[in-house]
């Protein structure tokens, strides 16, 4: 899976489990809803480390899922909390 596919799957699972929307997620992250769209669609821009970490926390990504996302995003593991 690509980074955008992985983020889309995590966000979609969160929306189903929580009964909330991508717009709700955007509000929690303090970003415009269009930003969520850009992060979860192929050919678009990936989030930087800070919003990516917040997104992973909000959607409840497991440590394994988070690590996989960081690897796909080419984030040096030294830059992330363990």
C-alpha atoms as a PDB file:
ATOM      1  CA  UNK A   1       0.000   0.000   0.000  1.00  0.00           C
ATOM      2  CA  UNK A   2       1.062   3.561  -0.617  1.00  0.00           C
ATOM      3  CA  UNK A   3       1.131   6.267   2.038  1.00  0.00           C
ATOM      4  CA  UNK A   4      -2.099   7.846   0.808  1.00  0.00           C
ATOM      5  CA  UNK A   5      -3.852   4.471   0.629  1.00  0.00           C
ATOM      6  CA  UNK A   6      -2.733   3.654   4.160  1.00  0.00           C
ATOM      7  CA  UNK A   7      -3.826   7.033   5.526  1.00  0.00           C
ATOM      8  CA  UNK A   8      -7.152   6.715   3.699  1.00  0.00           C
ATOM      9  CA  UNK A   9      -7.735   3.265   5.211  1.00  0.00           C
ATOM     10  CA  UNK A  10      -6.946   4.511   8.733  1.00  0.00           C
ATOM     11  CA  UNK A  11      -9.156   7.587   8.334  1.00  0.00           C
ATOM     12  CA  UNK A  12     -12.003   5.558   6.839  1.00  0.00           C
ATOM     13  CA  UNK A  13     -11.813   2.983   9.636  1.00  0.00           C
ATOM     14  CA  UNK A  14     -11.901   5.820  12.187  1.00  0.00           C
ATOM     15  CA  UNK A  15     -14.965   7.412  10.562  1.00  0.00           C
ATOM     16  CA  UNK A  16     -16.838   4.098  10.598  1.00  0.00           C
ATOM     17  CA  UNK A  17     -15.842   3.194  14.168  1.00  0.00           C
ATOM     18  CA  UNK A  18     -16.457   6.658  15.613  1.00  0.00           C
ATOM     19  CA  UNK A  19     -19.480   7.656  13.544  1.00  0.00           C
ATOM     20  CA  UNK A  20     -17.696  10.914  12.790  1.00  0.00           C
ATOM     21  CA  UNK A  21     -16.704  12.549   9.513  1.00  0.00           C
ATOM     22  CA  UNK A  22     -13.503  13.648   7.841  1.00  0.00           C
ATOM     23  CA  UNK A  23     -14.622  17.203   8.581  1.00  0.00           C
ATOM     24  CA  UNK A  24     -14.703  16.275  12.289  1.00  0.00           C
ATOM     25  CA  UNK A  25     -11.179  14.929  11.979  1.00  0.00           C
ATOM     26  CA  UNK A  26     -10.052  18.120  10.273  1.00  0.00           C
ATOM     27  CA  UNK A  27     -11.534  20.194  13.117  1.00  0.00           C
ATOM     28  CA  UNK A  28      -9.679  18.092  15.690  1.00  0.00           C
ATOM     29  CA  UNK A  29      -6.444  18.550  13.751  1.00  0.00           C
ATOM     30  CA  UNK A  30      -7.064  22.259  13.239  1.00  0.00           C
ATOM     31  CA  UNK A  31      -6.826  21.990   9.449  1.00  0.00           C
ATOM     32  CA  UNK A  32      -9.176  22.676   6.570  1.00  0.00           C
ATOM     33  CA  UNK A  33     -11.172  19.582   5.495  1.00  0.00           C
ATOM     34  CA  UNK A  34      -9.575  19.832   2.064  1.00  0.00           C
ATOM     35  CA  UNK A  35      -6.248  19.046   3.737  1.00  0.00           C
ATOM     36  CA  UNK A  36      -7.556  15.626   4.794  1.00  0.00           C
ATOM     37  CA  UNK A  37      -8.597  15.052   1.177  1.00  0.00           C
ATOM     38  CA  UNK A  38      -5.098  15.937  -0.058  1.00  0.00           C
ATOM     39  CA  UNK A  39      -3.454  13.604   2.466  1.00  0.00           C
ATOM     40  CA  UNK A  40      -5.656  10.643   1.552  1.00  0.00           C
ATOM     41  CA  UNK A  41      -5.732  10.820  -2.239  1.00  0.00           C
ATOM     42  CA  UNK A  42      -3.056   9.551  -4.627  1.00  0.00           C
ATOM     43  CA  UNK A  43      -0.760  12.118  -6.174  1.00  0.00           C
ATOM     44  CA  UNK A  44      -1.369  14.624  -3.416  1.00  0.00           C
ATOM     45  CA  UNK A  45       0.938  15.972  -0.726  1.00  0.00           C
ATOM     46  CA  UNK A  46       1.722  14.023   2.443  1.00  0.00           C
ATOM     47  CA  UNK A  47       1.393  15.677   5.839  1.00  0.00           C
ATOM     48  CA  UNK A  48       4.493  16.809   7.680  1.00  0.00           C
ATOM     49  CA  UNK A  49       5.543  14.958  10.826  1.00  0.00           C
ATOM     50  CA  UNK A  50       3.570  17.021  13.373  1.00  0.00           C
ATOM     51  CA  UNK A  51       0.119  16.774  11.735  1.00  0.00           C
ATOM     52  CA  UNK A  52       0.852  13.198  10.701  1.00  0.00           C
ATOM     53  CA  UNK A  53       1.576  12.245  14.317  1.00  0.00           C
ATOM     54  CA  UNK A  54      -1.585  14.029  15.485  1.00  0.00           C
ATOM     55  CA  UNK A  55      -3.665  12.297  12.813  1.00  0.00           C
ATOM     56  CA  UNK A  56      -2.316   8.887  13.816  1.00  0.00           C
ATOM     57  CA  UNK A  57      -3.085   9.601  17.480  1.00  0.00           C
ATOM     58  CA  UNK A  58      -6.632  10.805  16.790  1.00  0.00           C
ATOM     59  CA  UNK A  59      -7.552   7.863  14.563  1.00  0.00           C
ATOM     60  CA  UNK A  60      -6.133   5.425  17.100  1.00  0.00           C
ATOM     61  CA  UNK A  61      -3.424   3.898  14.943  1.00  0.00           C
ATOM     62  CA  UNK A  62      -1.612   1.034  16.621  1.00  0.00           C
ATOM     63  CA  UNK A  63       2.164   1.395  17.108  1.00  0.00           C
ATOM     64  CA  UNK A  64       2.657  -1.005  14.212  1.00  0.00           C
ATOM     65  CA  UNK A  65       0.354   1.001  11.936  1.00  0.00           C
ATOM     66  CA  UNK A  66       2.046   4.252  12.939  1.00  0.00           C
ATOM     67  CA  UNK A  67       5.503   2.830  12.261  1.00  0.00           C
ATOM     68  CA  UNK A  68       4.381   1.604   8.826  1.00  0.00           C
ATOM     69  CA  UNK A  69       3.000   5.059   8.008  1.00  0.00           C
ATOM     70  CA  UNK A  70       6.228   6.736   9.113  1.00  0.00           C
ATOM     71  CA  UNK A  71       8.240   4.361   6.940  1.00  0.00           C
ATOM     72  CA  UNK A  72       5.984   5.058   3.943  1.00  0.00           C
ATOM     73  CA  UNK A  73       6.314   8.803   4.612  1.00  0.00           C
ATOM     74  CA  UNK A  74      10.124   8.492   4.698  1.00  0.00           C
ATOM     75  CA  UNK A  75      10.225   9.927   8.204  1.00  0.00           C
ATOM     76  CA  UNK A  76      13.528   9.059   9.865  1.00  0.00           C
ATOM     77  CA  UNK A  77      12.716   6.855  12.821  1.00  0.00           C
ATOM     78  CA  UNK A  78      15.001   9.047  14.942  1.00  0.00           C
ATOM     79  CA  UNK A  79      12.428  11.869  14.523  1.00  0.00           C
ATOM     80  CA  UNK A  80       9.497   9.944  15.992  1.00  0.00           C
ATOM     81  CA  UNK A  81       8.667   9.092  19.562  1.00  0.00           C
ATOM     82  CA  UNK A  82       8.963   5.429  20.399  1.00  0.00           C
END
